[in-house]
Amino acid sequence: QLLIAPLHKLRAEGRPKVALLIDALDETDFKNPKGIVNLLRHKVRDLPSWIAVAVSSRPELEIKTALARYQPVCIDCNEANNLHDIRLFVRYQLEQQQKLRRINMTKANIEHAVESIMAKASGMFLFVKNI
């Protein structure tokens, strides 16, 4: 109530939607009945309508079960759209390095590098962003 009650006192009219992002929920003590997963299970619906909640987590059964009422959207890192986006990003980055003359690769070598990086990334954008 320390958070929810004051938020309800704020005017909703004209207020842009706000997203509360909770990353790596699976790295919390999610089996703790007093933990954040249980808090989310019971209190998200009490937030004002202008606040949306987004959670990232590995697909732990306890978390999926606890949050099922909210009909979560699950994104598989090996989903075709995700892999396509990562591939575009990697190719773009390599082509930019080529234009800046930081690397000297043929188009075929760039494509080979893209595929090699994709194989190592296993669908994880953070991996390709940090190499």
Protein backbone atom coordinates (compact mmCIF):
# COMPACT_ATOMS: atom_id res chain seq x y z
CA GLN A 1 0.00 0.00 0.00
CA LEU A 2 2.98 2.31 0.41
CA LEU A 3 3.28 2.40 -3.37
CA ILE A 4 -0.20 1.74 -4.69
CA ALA A 5 -2.22 4.22 -2.60
CA PRO A 6 -0.17 7.32 -3.53
CA LEU A 7 -0.20 6.34 -7.21
CA HIS A 8 -4.00 6.24 -7.19
CA LYS A 9 -4.05 9.82 -5.89
CA LEU A 10 -2.30 11.05 -9.03
CA ARG A 11 -4.62 12.21 -11.80
CA ALA A 12 -4.86 9.75 -14.67
CA GLU A 13 -6.29 12.18 -17.27
CA GLY A 14 -3.73 13.11 -19.88
CA ARG A 15 -1.06 11.11 -18.11
CA PRO A 16 1.07 9.02 -20.46
CA LYS A 17 1.23 5.31 -19.79
CA VAL A 18 4.22 4.33 -17.67
CA ALA A 19 5.92 0.96 -17.87
CA LEU A 20 7.45 -0.63 -14.81
CA LEU A 21 10.10 -3.05 -16.06
CA ILE A 22 11.30 -5.85 -13.81
CA ASP A 23 14.26 -7.65 -15.35
CA ALA A 24 15.55 -11.11 -14.42
CA LEU A 25 12.66 -12.09 -12.17
CA ASP A 26 14.01 -15.63 -12.16
CA GLU A 27 17.14 -14.38 -10.38
CA THR A 28 15.10 -13.36 -7.34
CA ASP A 29 14.02 -15.64 -4.52
CA PHE A 30 10.85 -16.42 -6.51
CA LYS A 31 9.90 -19.39 -4.33
CA ASN A 32 9.65 -17.15 -1.26
CA PRO A 33 5.95 -16.63 -0.43
CA LYS A 34 6.76 -13.07 0.68
CA GLY A 35 8.90 -12.35 -2.40
CA ILE A 36 8.37 -10.19 -5.42
CA VAL A 37 6.65 -12.87 -7.51
CA ASN A 38 3.93 -13.27 -4.91
CA LEU A 39 3.67 -9.48 -4.63
CA LEU A 40 3.21 -9.23 -8.38
CA ARG A 41 0.67 -12.06 -8.36
CA HIS A 42 -1.57 -10.25 -5.91
CA LYS A 43 -0.90 -6.53 -6.40
CA VAL A 44 -0.34 -5.76 -10.09
CA ARG A 45 -4.08 -5.60 -10.68
CA ASP A 46 -4.31 -2.90 -7.97
CA LEU A 47 -2.03 -0.50 -9.85
CA PRO A 48 -3.62 2.44 -11.66
CA SER A 49 -4.56 1.77 -15.28
CA TRP A 50 -1.84 4.12 -16.57
CA ILE A 51 0.88 1.84 -15.20
CA ALA A 52 1.85 -1.26 -17.16
CA VAL A 53 4.17 -3.95 -15.85
CA ALA A 54 6.67 -5.83 -18.00
CA VAL A 55 8.73 -8.69 -16.62
CA SER A 56 11.65 -10.60 -18.09
CA SER A 57 12.48 -14.03 -16.80
CA ARG A 58 13.59 -17.45 -17.80
CA PRO A 59 10.55 -19.72 -18.12
CA GLU A 60 10.47 -20.99 -14.52
CA LEU A 61 7.27 -22.96 -13.86
CA GLU A 62 6.61 -21.24 -10.51
CA ILE A 63 6.81 -17.80 -12.12
CA LYS A 64 4.67 -18.78 -15.11
CA THR A 65 2.05 -20.26 -12.79
CA ALA A 66 2.04 -17.28 -10.44
CA LEU A 67 1.62 -14.75 -13.25
CA ALA A 68 -0.67 -16.80 -15.53
CA ARG A 69 -3.73 -14.69 -14.68
CA TYR A 70 -2.14 -11.76 -16.48
CA GLN A 71 -1.88 -13.75 -19.73
CA PRO A 72 1.82 -13.08 -20.21
CA VAL A 73 3.40 -12.90 -23.63
CA CYS A 74 6.34 -15.28 -23.81
CA ILE A 75 9.16 -14.46 -26.19
CA ASP A 76 11.40 -17.33 -27.14
CA CYS A 77 14.93 -16.13 -27.88
CA ASN A 78 15.10 -18.68 -30.72
CA GLU A 79 11.92 -17.37 -32.32
CA ALA A 80 12.37 -16.51 -36.00
CA ASN A 81 11.57 -12.79 -35.57
CA ASN A 82 14.11 -12.44 -32.77
CA LEU A 83 16.82 -14.23 -34.74
CA HIS A 84 16.03 -12.10 -37.79
CA ASP A 85 16.37 -8.88 -35.77
CA ILE A 86 19.67 -10.00 -34.28
CA ARG A 87 20.98 -11.01 -37.72
CA LEU A 88 20.05 -7.58 -39.13
CA PHE A 89 21.78 -5.85 -36.23
CA VAL A 90 24.99 -7.89 -36.60
CA ARG A 91 25.11 -7.38 -40.37
CA TYR A 92 24.49 -3.63 -39.97
CA GLN A 93 27.26 -3.31 -37.36
CA LEU A 94 29.75 -5.15 -39.54
CA GLU A 95 28.82 -3.09 -42.60
CA GLN A 96 29.26 0.11 -40.59
CA GLN A 97 32.71 -1.00 -39.49
CA GLN A 98 33.48 -1.74 -43.14
CA LYS A 99 32.35 1.77 -44.18
CA LEU A 100 34.48 3.34 -41.47
CA ARG A 101 37.39 1.22 -42.72
CA ARG A 102 37.87 -0.40 -39.33
CA ILE A 103 37.58 -3.80 -40.96
CA ASN A 104 38.27 -5.00 -44.47
CA MET A 105 35.97 -7.87 -45.39
CA THR A 106 34.27 -9.06 -48.54
CA LYS A 107 30.47 -9.39 -48.53
CA ALA A 108 30.92 -13.17 -48.36
CA ASN A 109 33.21 -12.80 -45.33
CA ILE A 110 30.72 -10.50 -43.66
CA GLU A 111 27.96 -13.07 -44.20
CA HIS A 112 30.20 -15.80 -42.82
CA ALA A 113 30.96 -13.62 -39.77
CA VAL A 114 27.25 -12.93 -39.28
CA GLU A 115 26.45 -16.65 -39.28
CA SER A 116 29.36 -17.42 -36.94
CA ILE A 117 28.25 -14.74 -34.48
CA MET A 118 24.63 -15.92 -34.70
CA ALA A 119 25.66 -19.47 -33.84
CA LYS A 120 27.52 -18.28 -30.75
CA ALA A 121 24.79 -15.85 -29.66
CA SER A 122 22.10 -18.54 -29.27
CA GLY A 123 19.38 -15.93 -29.71
CA MET A 124 20.76 -13.57 -27.06
CA PHE A 125 20.86 -9.97 -28.26
CA LEU A 126 23.02 -8.91 -25.33
CA PHE A 127 25.77 -11.19 -26.59
CA VAL A 128 25.94 -9.56 -30.00
CA LYS A 129 25.61 -6.08 -28.57
CA ASN A 130 28.66 -6.59 -26.37
CA ILE A 131 31.07 -8.12 -28.87
